[in-house]
Amino acid sequence: MKDTTIHRMKQMEAVLDEYRYEHTLGVSYTAACLAMRYGADPKSAQLAGLLHDCAKCLSNTKRIKECEKYGIPITAIERKNPSLLHAKLGAVYARERYGVKEEAVLSAIRWHTTGRPAMTLLEQILFVADYMEPSRCRAIHLDEIRGLAFLDLDRATCMILEDTICYIQEKEMAMDEMTVKAWEYYSNQQRKKEEKK
């Protein structure tokens, strides 16, 4: 089976709508750039970026059915907001449908939406790239985060989590507890850094 970037791009173009495909390319390139900056494998970052939303363009009903088919646990929050399931399902699709064997890539896809405490470098890179890629334009601190991401990945991660939590609260949407745990972890890390200065 071909395992080239062009082949992966064509696979994603076939399953994503135009907006999501443009976003996917942006995440892939941004993740590769961040990987080069922080010493991660750019090819792995690029692959994670290309496949991170491979389960995004499904209906909520289909997403739930697919999770049940693959035995993916669904939390009460995910039942209220099935869009969150695309990350879990995407990691399974990446392995089962697209033949990805690299656990680091699968894990990055799994956590790219909510984040988690103590993310691996690749998980963090994909999480940040997904938020700040070039076609994104609505987040309130986006310009600051884009500059910060290449200087201090932890601070950028913390700011993204904080902005995400504020947005979810403003919209009165269901909050995944992992996002809160991730924010608590990274904000605590930032506090410790500040105390050492």
N, C-alpha and C. Protein backbone atom coordinates (compact mmCIF):
# COMPACT_ATOMS: atom_id res chain seq x y z
N MET A 1 0.84 -1.20 0.00
CA MET A 1 0.00 0.00 0.00
C MET A 1 0.88 1.25 0.00
N LYS A 2 0.54 2.22 -0.81
CA LYS A 2 1.28 3.47 -0.83
C LYS A 2 1.14 4.16 0.52
N ASP A 3 2.24 4.73 0.98
CA ASP A 3 2.18 5.45 2.26
C ASP A 3 2.80 6.84 2.08
N THR A 4 2.42 7.50 0.99
CA THR A 4 2.97 8.82 0.71
C THR A 4 2.01 9.90 1.19
N THR A 5 2.55 11.09 1.36
CA THR A 5 1.73 12.23 1.78
C THR A 5 0.63 12.51 0.76
N ILE A 6 0.98 12.44 -0.54
CA ILE A 6 -0.02 12.71 -1.60
C ILE A 6 -1.16 11.71 -1.52
N HIS A 7 -0.81 10.45 -1.29
CA HIS A 7 -1.84 9.40 -1.18
C HIS A 7 -2.77 9.69 0.00
N ARG A 8 -2.19 10.08 1.14
CA ARG A 8 -3.00 10.40 2.33
C ARG A 8 -3.90 11.62 2.06
N MET A 9 -3.36 12.60 1.37
CA MET A 9 -4.15 13.79 1.05
C MET A 9 -5.36 13.41 0.20
N LYS A 10 -5.15 12.55 -0.78
CA LYS A 10 -6.25 12.12 -1.65
C LYS A 10 -7.30 11.34 -0.85
N GLN A 11 -6.83 10.50 0.08
CA GLN A 11 -7.77 9.76 0.93
C GLN A 11 -8.65 10.72 1.73
N MET A 12 -8.04 11.75 2.30
CA MET A 12 -8.79 12.70 3.12
C MET A 12 -9.71 13.58 2.27
N GLU A 13 -9.25 13.94 1.08
CA GLU A 13 -10.08 14.75 0.18
C GLU A 13 -11.37 14.01 -0.17
N ALA A 14 -11.28 12.67 -0.21
CA ALA A 14 -12.45 11.86 -0.56
C ALA A 14 -13.48 11.76 0.57
N VAL A 15 -13.06 11.96 1.82
CA VAL A 15 -13.99 11.76 2.95
C VAL A 15 -14.35 13.05 3.70
N LEU A 16 -13.69 14.15 3.37
CA LEU A 16 -13.94 15.40 4.07
C LEU A 16 -14.62 16.42 3.16
N ASP A 17 -15.38 17.33 3.75
CA ASP A 17 -15.93 18.42 2.95
C ASP A 17 -14.81 19.43 2.65
N GLU A 18 -15.10 20.39 1.79
CA GLU A 18 -14.07 21.33 1.32
C GLU A 18 -13.43 22.12 2.46
N TYR A 19 -14.25 22.63 3.37
CA TYR A 19 -13.72 23.39 4.50
C TYR A 19 -12.83 22.52 5.38
N ARG A 20 -13.30 21.31 5.70
CA ARG A 20 -12.55 20.43 6.60
C ARG A 20 -11.26 19.96 5.95
N TYR A 21 -11.28 19.78 4.63
CA TYR A 21 -10.06 19.37 3.92
C TYR A 21 -9.01 20.49 3.97
N GLU A 22 -9.45 21.72 3.72
CA GLU A 22 -8.52 22.86 3.81
C GLU A 22 -7.93 22.96 5.22
N HIS A 23 -8.78 22.80 6.22
CA HIS A 23 -8.34 22.82 7.62
C HIS A 23 -7.31 21.71 7.86
N THR A 24 -7.59 20.52 7.35
CA THR A 24 -6.71 19.37 7.53
C THR A 24 -5.32 19.62 6.95
N LEU A 25 -5.28 20.19 5.75
CA LEU A 25 -3.97 20.52 5.16
C LEU A 25 -3.24 21.54 6.02
N GLY A 26 -3.96 22.53 6.52
CA GLY A 26 -3.36 23.54 7.38
C GLY A 26 -2.80 22.95 8.66
N VAL A 27 -3.55 22.04 9.27
CA VAL A 27 -3.07 21.38 10.50
C VAL A 27 -1.83 20.54 10.20
N SER A 28 -1.86 19.83 9.10
CA SER A 28 -0.73 18.98 8.73
C SER A 28 0.56 19.79 8.56
N TYR A 29 0.47 20.88 7.81
CA TYR A 29 1.66 21.71 7.59
C TYR A 29 2.11 22.40 8.87
N THR A 30 1.16 22.89 9.65
CA THR A 30 1.49 23.58 10.90
C THR A 30 2.14 22.61 11.89
N ALA A 31 1.58 21.40 11.98
CA ALA A 31 2.14 20.38 12.88
C ALA A 31 3.57 20.02 12.47
N ALA A 32 3.82 19.90 11.16
CA ALA A 32 5.17 19.59 10.69
C ALA A 32 6.14 20.71 11.05
N CYS A 33 5.70 21.96 10.92
CA CYS A 33 6.55 23.11 11.29
C CYS A 33 6.86 23.12 12.78
N LEU A 34 5.85 22.89 13.60
CA LEU A 34 6.07 22.84 15.06
C LEU A 34 6.99 21.68 15.43
N ALA A 35 6.82 20.55 14.74
CA ALA A 35 7.69 19.40 15.01
C ALA A 35 9.15 19.73 14.71
N MET A 36 9.39 20.43 13.60
CA MET A 36 10.77 20.82 13.27
C MET A 36 11.31 21.78 14.32
N ARG A 37 10.46 22.66 14.81
CA ARG A 37 10.89 23.63 15.83
C ARG A 37 11.27 22.95 17.15
N TYR A 38 10.49 21.93 17.54
CA TYR A 38 10.68 21.33 18.87
C TYR A 38 11.39 19.98 18.86
N GLY A 39 11.86 19.55 17.70
CA GLY A 39 12.66 18.32 17.64
C GLY A 39 11.84 17.04 17.61
N ALA A 40 10.57 17.12 17.21
CA ALA A 40 9.76 15.91 17.00
C ALA A 40 9.90 15.49 15.53
N ASP A 41 9.39 14.33 15.21
CA ASP A 41 9.47 13.83 13.84
C ASP A 41 8.44 14.55 12.96
N PRO A 42 8.89 15.36 11.99
CA PRO A 42 7.94 16.10 11.15
C PRO A 42 7.01 15.21 10.34
N LYS A 43 7.50 14.05 9.91
CA LYS A 43 6.65 13.13 9.13
C LYS A 43 5.50 12.59 9.97
N SER A 44 5.81 12.24 11.23
CA SER A 44 4.75 11.77 12.13
C SER A 44 3.74 12.88 12.40
N ALA A 45 4.23 14.08 12.60
CA ALA A 45 3.35 15.22 12.86
C ALA A 45 2.48 15.50 11.64
N GLN A 46 3.08 15.44 10.46
CA GLN A 46 2.34 15.67 9.22
C GLN A 46 1.24 14.61 9.04
N LEU A 47 1.58 13.35 9.32
CA LEU A 47 0.61 12.25 9.20
C LEU A 47 -0.54 12.43 10.20
N ALA A 48 -0.19 12.75 11.44
CA ALA A 48 -1.22 12.96 12.46
C ALA A 48 -2.14 14.10 12.04
N GLY A 49 -1.56 15.16 11.48
CA GLY A 49 -2.36 16.29 11.00
C GLY A 49 -3.29 15.91 9.87
N LEU A 50 -2.79 15.11 8.95
CA LEU A 50 -3.62 14.71 7.80
C LEU A 50 -4.80 13.83 8.22
N LEU A 51 -4.61 13.02 9.24
CA LEU A 51 -5.65 12.06 9.62
C LEU A 51 -6.46 12.47 10.85
N HIS A 52 -6.12 13.61 11.47
CA HIS A 52 -6.73 13.91 12.77
C HIS A 52 -8.25 14.05 12.72
N ASP A 53 -8.80 14.50 11.59
CA ASP A 53 -10.26 14.68 11.46
C ASP A 53 -10.90 13.66 10.52
N CYS A 54 -10.26 12.50 10.38
CA CYS A 54 -10.78 11.51 9.41
C CYS A 54 -12.17 10.99 9.77
N ALA A 55 -12.60 11.18 11.02
CA ALA A 55 -13.95 10.76 11.42
C ALA A 55 -14.86 11.96 11.69
N LYS A 56 -14.47 13.13 11.22
CA LYS A 56 -15.21 14.36 11.52
C LYS A 56 -16.50 14.51 10.72
N CYS A 57 -16.45 14.18 9.44
CA CYS A 57 -17.60 14.44 8.56
C CYS A 57 -18.59 13.28 8.56
N LEU A 58 -19.03 12.94 9.77
CA LEU A 58 -20.07 11.93 9.96
C LEU A 58 -21.20 12.58 10.74
N SER A 59 -22.40 12.07 10.59
CA SER A 59 -23.50 12.56 11.43
C SER A 59 -23.27 12.08 12.86
N ASN A 60 -23.90 12.74 13.81
CA ASN A 60 -23.78 12.32 15.21
C ASN A 60 -24.26 10.89 15.41
N THR A 61 -25.34 10.53 14.74
CA THR A 61 -25.88 9.17 14.85
C THR A 61 -24.87 8.15 14.35
N LYS A 62 -24.26 8.45 13.19
CA LYS A 62 -23.27 7.55 12.60
C LYS A 62 -22.04 7.44 13.50
N ARG A 63 -21.63 8.55 14.08
CA ARG A 63 -20.47 8.55 14.98
C ARG A 63 -20.71 7.62 16.17
N ILE A 64 -21.89 7.73 16.76
CA ILE A 64 -22.22 6.87 17.91
C ILE A 64 -22.27 5.40 17.49
N LYS A 65 -22.89 5.13 16.34
CA LYS A 65 -22.96 3.75 15.85
C LYS A 65 -21.58 3.16 15.59
N GLU A 66 -20.71 3.97 15.00
CA GLU A 66 -19.36 3.51 14.71
C GLU A 66 -18.57 3.24 16.00
N CYS A 67 -18.75 4.11 16.99
CA CYS A 67 -18.08 3.89 18.29
C CYS A 67 -18.57 2.59 18.92
N GLU A 68 -19.87 2.35 18.84
CA GLU A 68 -20.43 1.10 19.38
C GLU A 68 -19.88 -0.10 18.61
N LYS A 69 -19.77 0.03 17.30
CA LYS A 69 -19.24 -1.05 16.46
C LYS A 69 -17.81 -1.41 16.85
N TYR A 70 -16.98 -0.40 17.12
CA TYR A 70 -15.58 -0.64 17.46
C TYR A 70 -15.34 -0.80 18.96
N GLY A 71 -16.42 -0.78 19.75
CA GLY A 71 -16.27 -0.96 21.20
C GLY A 71 -15.61 0.22 21.90
N ILE A 72 -15.81 1.42 21.35
CA ILE A 72 -15.23 2.63 21.95
C ILE A 72 -16.20 3.14 23.03
N PRO A 73 -15.72 3.26 24.28
CA PRO A 73 -16.62 3.75 25.34
C PRO A 73 -17.09 5.18 25.06
N ILE A 74 -18.35 5.44 25.38
CA ILE A 74 -18.94 6.77 25.17
C ILE A 74 -19.37 7.32 26.53
N THR A 75 -18.85 8.48 26.91
CA THR A 75 -19.21 9.08 28.18
C THR A 75 -20.54 9.81 28.06
N ALA A 76 -21.10 10.20 29.20
CA ALA A 76 -22.36 10.96 29.20
C ALA A 76 -22.19 12.28 28.47
N ILE A 77 -21.05 12.94 28.65
CA ILE A 77 -20.77 14.22 27.96
C ILE A 77 -20.71 14.00 26.45
N GLU A 78 -20.08 12.91 26.04
CA GLU A 78 -19.97 12.61 24.60
C GLU A 78 -21.33 12.28 24.00
N ARG A 79 -22.22 11.71 24.78
CA ARG A 79 -23.59 11.45 24.27
C ARG A 79 -24.32 12.77 24.07
N LYS A 80 -24.04 13.75 24.95
CA LYS A 80 -24.65 15.08 24.81
C LYS A 80 -24.03 15.84 23.64
N ASN A 81 -22.74 15.63 23.42
CA ASN A 81 -22.01 16.35 22.37
C ASN A 81 -21.20 15.33 21.56
N PRO A 82 -21.85 14.56 20.67
CA PRO A 82 -21.18 13.48 19.94
C PRO A 82 -20.04 13.95 19.03
N SER A 83 -19.97 15.25 18.77
CA SER A 83 -18.84 15.77 17.97
C SER A 83 -17.50 15.42 18.63
N LEU A 84 -17.50 15.36 19.96
CA LEU A 84 -16.27 15.02 20.68
C LEU A 84 -15.74 13.63 20.32
N LEU A 85 -16.63 12.76 19.87
CA LEU A 85 -16.24 11.38 19.57
C LEU A 85 -15.33 11.26 18.35
N HIS A 86 -15.26 12.31 17.53
CA HIS A 86 -14.48 12.17 16.30
C HIS A 86 -13.00 11.93 16.57
N ALA A 87 -12.51 12.36 17.73
CA ALA A 87 -11.09 12.14 18.04
C ALA A 87 -10.83 10.67 18.39
N LYS A 88 -11.65 10.12 19.27
CA LYS A 88 -11.52 8.69 19.62
C LYS A 88 -11.70 7.81 18.39
N LEU A 89 -12.79 8.10 17.66
CA LEU A 89 -13.10 7.31 16.47
C LEU A 89 -12.03 7.50 15.40
N GLY A 90 -11.53 8.73 15.28
CA GLY A 90 -10.48 9.01 14.31
C GLY A 90 -9.22 8.19 14.54
N ALA A 91 -8.86 8.00 15.81
CA ALA A 91 -7.67 7.18 16.12
C ALA A 91 -7.90 5.74 15.69
N VAL A 92 -9.12 5.24 15.88
CA VAL A 92 -9.45 3.87 15.46
C VAL A 92 -9.47 3.77 13.93
N TYR A 93 -10.09 4.75 13.28
CA TYR A 93 -10.10 4.76 11.81
C TYR A 93 -8.67 4.82 11.26
N ALA A 94 -7.83 5.66 11.86
CA ALA A 94 -6.44 5.79 11.38
C ALA A 94 -5.75 4.42 11.40
N ARG A 95 -6.01 3.65 12.45
CA ARG A 95 -5.40 2.32 12.55
C ARG A 95 -6.08 1.32 11.63
N GLU A 96 -7.42 1.25 11.71
CA GLU A 96 -8.16 0.19 11.01
C GLU A 96 -8.35 0.45 9.52
N ARG A 97 -8.62 1.71 9.16
CA ARG A 97 -8.92 2.03 7.75
C ARG A 97 -7.71 2.55 6.98
N TYR A 98 -6.82 3.22 7.68
CA TYR A 98 -5.70 3.86 6.98
C TYR A 98 -4.35 3.24 7.31
N GLY A 99 -4.36 2.17 8.08
CA GLY A 99 -3.16 1.36 8.29
C GLY A 99 -2.06 1.99 9.11
N VAL A 100 -2.38 2.97 9.95
CA VAL A 100 -1.34 3.61 10.77
C VAL A 100 -1.00 2.70 11.94
N LYS A 101 0.29 2.40 12.08
CA LYS A 101 0.75 1.52 13.16
C LYS A 101 1.41 2.30 14.30
N GLU A 102 1.83 3.50 14.02
CA GLU A 102 2.61 4.28 14.98
C GLU A 102 1.72 4.76 16.13
N GLU A 103 1.95 4.19 17.31
CA GLU A 103 1.11 4.51 18.47
C GLU A 103 1.13 6.00 18.82
N ALA A 104 2.28 6.64 18.62
CA ALA A 104 2.40 8.07 18.94
C ALA A 104 1.45 8.89 18.07
N VAL A 105 1.31 8.52 16.81
CA VAL A 105 0.40 9.22 15.90
C VAL A 105 -1.05 8.96 16.30
N LEU A 106 -1.38 7.71 16.60
CA LEU A 106 -2.74 7.36 17.00
C LEU A 106 -3.13 8.09 18.29
N SER A 107 -2.20 8.17 19.22
CA SER A 107 -2.48 8.86 20.49
C SER A 107 -2.67 10.36 20.27
N ALA A 108 -1.88 10.95 19.38
CA ALA A 108 -2.03 12.38 19.07
C ALA A 108 -3.42 12.65 18.50
N ILE A 109 -3.88 11.77 17.60
CA ILE A 109 -5.23 11.92 17.03
C ILE A 109 -6.28 11.78 18.13
N ARG A 110 -6.06 10.81 19.00
CA ARG A 110 -7.02 10.54 20.10
C ARG A 110 -7.24 11.76 21.00
N TRP A 111 -6.17 12.53 21.26
CA TRP A 111 -6.26 13.61 22.25
C TRP A 111 -6.28 15.01 21.63
N HIS A 112 -6.42 15.12 20.31
CA HIS A 112 -6.26 16.44 19.69
C HIS A 112 -7.39 17.42 20.01
N THR A 113 -8.54 16.93 20.45
CA THR A 113 -9.68 17.81 20.71
C THR A 113 -9.72 18.31 22.14
N THR A 114 -9.64 17.39 23.08
CA THR A 114 -9.75 17.77 24.50
C THR A 114 -8.41 18.09 25.15
N GLY A 115 -7.33 17.56 24.57
CA GLY A 115 -6.06 17.59 25.28
C GLY A 115 -6.13 16.65 26.47
N ARG A 116 -5.05 16.58 27.21
CA ARG A 116 -5.01 15.80 28.45
C ARG A 116 -3.81 16.26 29.26
N PRO A 117 -3.77 15.95 30.56
CA PRO A 117 -2.59 16.32 31.33
C PRO A 117 -1.35 15.60 30.80
N ALA A 118 -0.21 16.27 30.87
CA ALA A 118 1.09 15.68 30.50
C ALA A 118 1.07 15.04 29.11
N MET A 119 0.61 15.80 28.12
CA MET A 119 0.62 15.29 26.75
C MET A 119 2.05 15.01 26.29
N THR A 120 2.19 14.04 25.39
CA THR A 120 3.48 13.83 24.74
C THR A 120 3.74 15.03 23.83
N LEU A 121 4.96 15.16 23.37
CA LEU A 121 5.29 16.28 22.48
C LEU A 121 4.43 16.24 21.21
N LEU A 122 4.28 15.07 20.62
CA LEU A 122 3.48 14.98 19.38
C LEU A 122 2.01 15.29 19.65
N GLU A 123 1.47 14.81 20.77
CA GLU A 123 0.09 15.13 21.13
C GLU A 123 -0.10 16.64 21.26
N GLN A 124 0.85 17.26 21.93
CA GLN A 124 0.77 18.71 22.16
C GLN A 124 0.89 19.49 20.85
N ILE A 125 1.79 19.05 20.00
CA ILE A 125 1.97 19.70 18.69
C ILE A 125 0.68 19.64 17.88
N LEU A 126 0.04 18.48 17.82
CA LEU A 126 -1.20 18.36 17.05
C LEU A 126 -2.32 19.18 17.69
N PHE A 127 -2.40 19.17 19.01
CA PHE A 127 -3.41 19.94 19.73
C PHE A 127 -3.29 21.43 19.39
N VAL A 128 -2.07 21.94 19.42
CA VAL A 128 -1.83 23.36 19.14
C VAL A 128 -2.04 23.66 17.65
N ALA A 129 -1.52 22.81 16.78
CA ALA A 129 -1.66 23.01 15.34
C ALA A 129 -3.13 23.05 14.92
N ASP A 130 -3.94 22.20 15.51
CA ASP A 130 -5.37 22.14 15.19
C ASP A 130 -6.06 23.47 15.52
N TYR A 131 -5.60 24.11 16.57
CA TYR A 131 -6.22 25.36 17.02
C TYR A 131 -5.79 26.57 16.18
N MET A 132 -4.54 26.56 15.70
CA MET A 132 -3.98 27.80 15.15
C MET A 132 -3.63 27.75 13.66
N GLU A 133 -3.98 26.67 12.99
CA GLU A 133 -3.59 26.56 11.57
C GLU A 133 -4.14 27.75 10.77
N PRO A 134 -3.58 28.02 9.58
CA PRO A 134 -3.86 29.27 8.87
C PRO A 134 -5.31 29.59 8.56
N SER A 135 -6.16 28.59 8.34
CA SER A 135 -7.55 28.92 7.98
C SER A 135 -8.41 29.27 9.20
N ARG A 136 -7.90 29.04 10.40
CA ARG A 136 -8.64 29.45 11.60
C ARG A 136 -8.64 30.98 11.68
N CYS A 137 -9.74 31.55 12.12
CA CYS A 137 -9.77 33.03 12.16
C CYS A 137 -10.62 33.61 13.28
N ARG A 138 -11.22 32.79 14.15
CA ARG A 138 -12.20 33.32 15.08
C ARG A 138 -11.76 33.37 16.54
N ALA A 139 -10.78 32.62 16.94
CA ALA A 139 -10.39 32.57 18.36
C ALA A 139 -9.86 33.92 18.83
N ILE A 140 -10.17 34.28 20.07
CA ILE A 140 -9.87 35.65 20.51
C ILE A 140 -8.38 35.96 20.65
N HIS A 141 -7.58 35.01 21.08
CA HIS A 141 -6.14 35.25 21.26
C HIS A 141 -5.31 34.58 20.16
N LEU A 142 -5.91 34.38 19.00
CA LEU A 142 -5.27 33.58 17.95
C LEU A 142 -3.90 34.12 17.53
N ASP A 143 -3.79 35.41 17.28
CA ASP A 143 -2.50 35.97 16.84
C ASP A 143 -1.43 35.77 17.91
N GLU A 144 -1.81 36.01 19.15
CA GLU A 144 -0.86 35.82 20.26
C GLU A 144 -0.43 34.36 20.37
N ILE A 145 -1.39 33.45 20.24
CA ILE A 145 -1.09 32.02 20.33
C ILE A 145 -0.18 31.58 19.19
N ARG A 146 -0.43 32.10 17.99
CA ARG A 146 0.41 31.75 16.84
C ARG A 146 1.86 32.16 17.06
N GLY A 147 2.07 33.34 17.63
CA GLY A 147 3.44 33.77 17.92
C GLY A 147 4.05 32.96 19.04
N LEU A 148 3.27 32.71 20.06
CA LEU A 148 3.74 32.02 21.26
C LEU A 148 4.07 30.55 20.99
N ALA A 149 3.33 29.92 20.10
CA ALA A 149 3.49 28.48 19.85
C ALA A 149 4.90 28.10 19.45
N PHE A 150 5.60 29.00 18.77
CA PHE A 150 6.97 28.71 18.33
C PHE A 150 8.02 29.14 19.36
N LEU A 151 7.55 29.75 20.45
CA LEU A 151 8.46 30.18 21.52
C LEU A 151 8.30 29.35 22.78
N ASP A 152 7.06 29.02 23.14
CA ASP A 152 6.78 28.31 24.39
C ASP A 152 5.51 27.48 24.18
N LEU A 153 5.70 26.23 23.83
CA LEU A 153 4.57 25.35 23.50
C LEU A 153 3.65 25.14 24.69
N ASP A 154 4.23 25.05 25.89
CA ASP A 154 3.41 24.86 27.09
C ASP A 154 2.49 26.05 27.35
N ARG A 155 3.03 27.25 27.21
CA ARG A 155 2.20 28.45 27.42
C ARG A 155 1.10 28.56 26.37
N ALA A 156 1.45 28.24 25.14
CA ALA A 156 0.45 28.26 24.07
C ALA A 156 -0.65 27.24 24.36
N THR A 157 -0.26 26.07 24.82
CA THR A 157 -1.22 25.01 25.16
C THR A 157 -2.15 25.48 26.27
N CYS A 158 -1.58 26.09 27.30
CA CYS A 158 -2.34 26.58 28.44
C CYS A 158 -3.34 27.65 27.99
N MET A 159 -2.91 28.55 27.14
CA MET A 159 -3.78 29.63 26.66
C MET A 159 -4.93 29.07 25.81
N ILE A 160 -4.63 28.08 24.97
CA ILE A 160 -5.66 27.45 24.15
C ILE A 160 -6.71 26.78 25.04
N LEU A 161 -6.25 26.05 26.05
CA LEU A 161 -7.17 25.37 26.95
C LEU A 161 -8.06 26.38 27.70
N GLU A 162 -7.45 27.46 28.15
CA GLU A 162 -8.21 28.49 28.86
C GLU A 162 -9.27 29.12 27.95
N ASP A 163 -8.86 29.47 26.73
CA ASP A 163 -9.81 30.06 25.78
C ASP A 163 -10.93 29.08 25.42
N THR A 164 -10.58 27.81 25.28
CA THR A 164 -11.57 26.78 24.96
C THR A 164 -12.60 26.65 26.07
N ILE A 165 -12.12 26.62 27.30
CA ILE A 165 -13.03 26.50 28.45
C ILE A 165 -13.96 27.71 28.52
N CYS A 166 -13.42 28.91 28.33
CA CYS A 166 -14.24 30.14 28.33
C CYS A 166 -15.30 30.08 27.23
N TYR A 167 -14.91 29.64 26.05
CA TYR A 167 -15.84 29.55 24.92
C TYR A 167 -16.96 28.56 25.22
N ILE A 168 -16.60 27.39 25.74
CA ILE A 168 -17.60 26.35 26.05
C ILE A 168 -18.57 26.85 27.12
N GLN A 169 -18.04 27.55 28.12
CA GLN A 169 -18.90 28.09 29.18
C GLN A 169 -19.84 29.16 28.64
N GLU A 170 -19.31 30.05 27.80
CA GLU A 170 -20.14 31.11 27.21
C GLU A 170 -21.28 30.54 26.38
N LYS A 171 -20.98 29.47 25.64
CA LYS A 171 -21.99 28.85 24.78
C LYS A 171 -22.88 27.87 25.53
N GLU A 172 -22.56 27.67 26.81
CA GLU A 172 -23.31 26.73 27.66
C GLU A 172 -23.37 25.34 27.04
N MET A 173 -22.22 24.92 26.54
CA MET A 173 -22.10 23.59 25.94
C MET A 173 -21.60 22.60 27.00
N ALA A 174 -21.71 21.31 26.68
CA ALA A 174 -21.20 20.27 27.59
C ALA A 174 -19.68 20.29 27.57
N MET A 175 -19.08 20.28 28.75
CA MET A 175 -17.61 20.34 28.88
C MET A 175 -17.04 18.96 29.16
N ASP A 176 -16.09 18.54 28.36
CA ASP A 176 -15.40 17.28 28.64
C ASP A 176 -14.45 17.51 29.80
N GLU A 177 -14.53 16.64 30.80
CA GLU A 177 -13.71 16.84 32.01
C GLU A 177 -12.21 16.77 31.72
N MET A 178 -11.83 16.10 30.63
CA MET A 178 -10.40 16.00 30.31
C MET A 178 -9.83 17.36 29.92
N THR A 179 -10.64 18.22 29.32
CA THR A 179 -10.19 19.57 28.98
C THR A 179 -9.87 20.35 30.25
N VAL A 180 -10.73 20.22 31.25
CA VAL A 180 -10.50 20.90 32.53
C VAL A 180 -9.25 20.35 33.20
N LYS A 181 -9.10 19.03 33.19
CA LYS A 181 -7.91 18.41 33.81
C LYS A 181 -6.64 18.86 33.09
N ALA A 182 -6.71 18.94 31.77
CA ALA A 182 -5.55 19.40 30.99
C ALA A 182 -5.22 20.83 31.35
N TRP A 183 -6.24 21.70 31.42
CA TRP A 183 -6.00 23.10 31.78
C TRP A 183 -5.39 23.20 33.18
N GLU A 184 -5.92 22.45 34.14
CA GLU A 184 -5.38 22.48 35.50
C GLU A 184 -3.90 22.08 35.51
N TYR A 185 -3.57 21.05 34.73
CA TYR A 185 -2.19 20.57 34.66
C TYR A 185 -1.27 21.64 34.07
N TYR A 186 -1.64 22.19 32.91
CA TYR A 186 -0.76 23.14 32.23
C TYR A 186 -0.71 24.50 32.93
N SER A 187 -1.81 24.91 33.55
CA SER A 187 -1.77 26.18 34.30
C SER A 187 -0.90 26.02 35.55
N ASN A 188 -0.94 24.85 36.15
CA ASN A 188 -0.07 24.56 37.30
C ASN A 188 1.40 24.55 36.88
N GLN A 189 1.67 23.98 35.71
CA GLN A 189 3.05 23.99 35.17
C GLN A 189 3.54 25.43 34.96
N GLN A 190 2.65 26.27 34.44
CA GLN A 190 3.01 27.68 34.20
C GLN A 190 3.29 28.40 35.51
N ARG A 191 2.47 28.12 36.52
CA ARG A 191 2.69 28.73 37.84
C ARG A 191 4.05 28.36 38.41
N LYS A 192 4.40 27.09 38.28
CA LYS A 192 5.70 26.61 38.78
C LYS A 192 6.85 27.31 38.06
N LYS A 193 6.70 27.48 36.74
CA LYS A 193 7.74 28.17 35.97
C LYS A 193 7.90 29.61 36.43
N GLU A 194 6.76 30.27 36.65
CA GLU A 194 6.78 31.68 37.09
C GLU A 194 7.45 31.81 38.46
N GLU A 195 7.18 30.86 39.34
CA GLU A 195 7.75 30.90 40.69
C GLU A 195 9.25 30.74 40.67
N LYS A 196 9.77 30.02 39.67
CA LYS A 196 11.22 29.79 39.57
C LYS A 196 11.97 31.01 39.04
N LYS A 197 11.27 31.94 38.41
CA LYS A 197 11.92 33.11 37.81
C LYS A 197 12.42 34.07 38.87
